[in-house]
Amino acid sequence: MVSILSGLVSGLVATIVMTMFMMALGDDSPPPTASLWAKYVGDEGPESYMMQGMVLHLLYGIGAGVAFAVGVTALGLGVGAGALGTSLLWAVVFALGLTVVGAIFWMRVVLAMEPEPGMVGMFALFHFVYGLVLGAMMTYVPL
């Protein structure tokens, strides 16, 4: 069993690590969250809202960590201390689910974007990293 606090902390750390991968391997284009900000809040292009997009992405990642903690506890999936394999498995499955939701719903429906296959691949890689860190944090940082 994991707590909401462990979800908050794990989501934060996983998002920071994922963002480091995005910055190192990405193409320096604005994240989809900057496009979301530009479309619904701002009056300029996404490149003008990089910081807002990154803050929004950080909040999404923290919220996703909490949702994961609540979900695995409610389902009794055995995530947490001493269950590294189980924690990693369910966290990666969850993170790849976030990839599907992000690439299909957020990008295509909400933002009316048609992401390139390479972009979707990188998106999946970054979320895979998020899942690995999330699962490891849930296992080794008992809160």
Protein backbone atom coordinates (compact mmCIF):
# COMPACT_ATOMS: atom_id res chain seq x y z
CA MET A 1 0.00 0.00 0.00
CA VAL A 2 1.23 3.48 -0.84
CA SER A 3 0.07 6.86 0.42
CA ILE A 4 -1.05 10.04 -1.26
CA LEU A 5 2.13 11.68 0.04
CA SER A 6 4.25 9.02 -1.67
CA GLY A 7 2.25 9.70 -4.86
CA LEU A 8 2.96 13.43 -4.58
CA VAL A 9 6.68 12.98 -3.99
CA SER A 10 7.08 10.17 -6.52
CA GLY A 11 5.13 12.09 -9.17
CA LEU A 12 7.27 15.18 -8.58
CA VAL A 13 10.59 13.33 -8.81
CA ALA A 14 9.44 11.25 -11.81
CA THR A 15 8.34 14.41 -13.63
CA ILE A 16 11.65 16.16 -12.93
CA VAL A 17 13.63 13.17 -14.26
CA MET A 18 11.33 12.87 -17.27
CA THR A 19 11.74 16.59 -17.98
CA MET A 20 15.52 16.23 -17.85
CA PHE A 21 15.24 13.51 -20.52
CA MET A 22 12.92 15.73 -22.56
CA MET A 23 15.38 18.60 -22.41
CA ALA A 24 18.36 16.39 -23.28
CA LEU A 25 16.78 14.34 -26.06
CA GLY A 26 13.99 16.60 -27.31
CA ASP A 27 14.05 18.99 -30.22
CA ASP A 28 13.66 22.19 -28.14
CA SER A 29 10.12 22.66 -29.44
CA PRO A 30 7.44 23.77 -26.99
CA PRO A 31 5.82 20.92 -25.07
CA PRO A 32 2.16 20.14 -25.80
CA THR A 33 1.27 21.84 -22.51
CA ALA A 34 2.63 25.13 -23.90
CA SER A 35 0.34 24.63 -26.90
CA LEU A 36 -2.54 24.01 -24.51
CA TRP A 37 -1.74 27.25 -22.68
CA ALA A 38 -1.42 29.18 -25.94
CA LYS A 39 -4.73 27.84 -27.26
CA TYR A 40 -6.88 28.34 -24.18
CA VAL A 41 -5.20 31.04 -22.07
CA GLY A 42 -2.68 33.04 -24.08
CA ASP A 43 -2.82 35.14 -27.20
CA GLU A 44 0.59 34.23 -28.66
CA GLY A 45 2.18 31.07 -30.05
CA PRO A 46 3.26 28.13 -27.86
CA GLU A 47 6.91 29.23 -27.90
CA SER A 48 5.85 32.23 -25.77
CA TYR A 49 4.52 29.93 -23.04
CA MET A 50 7.37 27.50 -22.44
CA MET A 51 7.54 28.25 -18.71
CA GLN A 52 3.77 28.03 -18.21
CA GLY A 53 3.76 24.79 -20.18
CA MET A 54 6.52 23.30 -18.05
CA VAL A 55 4.77 24.29 -14.81
CA LEU A 56 1.53 22.81 -16.11
CA HIS A 57 3.38 19.62 -17.07
CA LEU A 58 4.92 19.44 -13.59
CA LEU A 59 1.47 19.75 -12.03
CA TYR A 60 0.14 17.02 -14.35
CA GLY A 61 3.00 14.75 -13.32
CA ILE A 62 2.40 15.31 -9.63
CA GLY A 63 -1.33 14.74 -10.09
CA ALA A 64 -0.64 11.56 -12.06
CA GLY A 65 1.57 10.31 -9.23
CA VAL A 66 -1.28 10.83 -6.78
CA ALA A 67 -3.77 9.17 -9.15
CA PHE A 68 -1.41 6.20 -9.46
CA ALA A 69 -1.02 5.90 -5.68
CA VAL A 70 -4.77 6.07 -5.11
CA GLY A 71 -5.52 3.68 -7.99
CA VAL A 72 -3.06 0.95 -7.08
CA THR A 73 -4.11 1.09 -3.44
CA ALA A 74 -7.81 0.90 -4.32
CA LEU A 75 -7.15 -2.03 -6.68
CA GLY A 76 -4.85 -3.78 -4.22
CA LEU A 77 -2.08 -4.23 -6.78
CA GLY A 78 0.71 -4.71 -4.24
CA VAL A 79 2.75 -1.66 -5.15
CA GLY A 80 5.13 -0.25 -2.56
CA ALA A 81 7.91 -1.23 -0.20
CA GLY A 82 9.55 -4.53 -1.07
CA ALA A 83 7.68 -4.96 -4.35
CA LEU A 84 10.01 -3.45 -6.93
CA GLY A 85 8.97 -5.68 -9.82
CA THR A 86 5.26 -5.14 -9.22
CA SER A 87 5.72 -1.42 -8.66
CA LEU A 88 7.72 -1.00 -11.87
CA LEU A 89 5.30 -3.09 -13.90
CA TRP A 90 2.19 -1.17 -12.87
CA ALA A 91 3.90 2.22 -12.99
CA VAL A 92 5.16 1.61 -16.54
CA VAL A 93 1.74 0.34 -17.65
CA PHE A 94 0.19 3.46 -16.11
CA ALA A 95 2.75 5.77 -17.74
CA LEU A 96 2.28 4.20 -21.16
CA GLY A 97 -1.46 4.66 -20.65
CA LEU A 98 -0.70 8.34 -20.08
CA THR A 99 1.14 8.29 -23.41
CA VAL A 100 -1.92 6.97 -25.21
CA VAL A 101 -4.20 9.52 -23.53
CA GLY A 102 -1.73 12.31 -24.27
CA ALA A 103 -1.08 11.38 -27.89
CA ILE A 104 -4.67 10.60 -28.80
CA PHE A 105 -6.91 12.68 -26.60
CA TRP A 106 -4.83 15.74 -25.65
CA MET A 107 -2.86 16.20 -28.84
CA ARG A 108 -5.41 15.13 -31.43
CA VAL A 109 -8.74 16.06 -29.81
CA VAL A 110 -8.01 18.93 -27.43
CA LEU A 111 -5.16 20.58 -29.35
CA ALA A 112 -6.17 19.47 -32.89
CA MET A 113 -2.55 18.46 -33.58
CA GLU A 114 -1.43 15.56 -35.72
CA PRO A 115 1.77 14.39 -34.01
CA GLU A 116 4.50 12.89 -36.17
CA PRO A 117 5.37 9.24 -35.45
CA GLY A 118 8.80 10.28 -34.19
CA MET A 119 7.22 12.70 -31.76
CA VAL A 120 4.88 9.99 -30.46
CA GLY A 121 7.87 7.67 -30.05
CA MET A 122 9.77 10.23 -27.99
CA PHE A 123 6.58 10.97 -26.05
CA ALA A 124 6.35 7.24 -25.21
CA LEU A 125 10.03 7.07 -24.23
CA PHE A 126 9.69 10.04 -21.88
CA HIS A 127 6.59 8.55 -20.27
CA PHE A 128 8.36 5.19 -19.94
CA VAL A 129 11.10 6.98 -17.97
CA TYR A 130 8.37 8.61 -15.84
CA GLY A 131 6.91 5.17 -15.11
CA LEU A 132 10.27 3.65 -14.16
CA VAL A 133 11.06 6.47 -11.75
CA LEU A 134 7.51 6.52 -10.37
CA GLY A 135 7.62 2.76 -9.65
CA ALA A 136 11.08 2.91 -8.12
CA MET A 137 10.15 5.87 -5.93
CA MET A 138 6.99 4.12 -4.74
CA THR A 139 9.14 1.15 -3.72
CA TYR A 140 12.10 2.83 -2.12
CA VAL A 141 10.70 6.04 -0.63
CA PRO A 142 8.07 4.90 1.86
CA LEU A 143 6.05 7.90 2.97
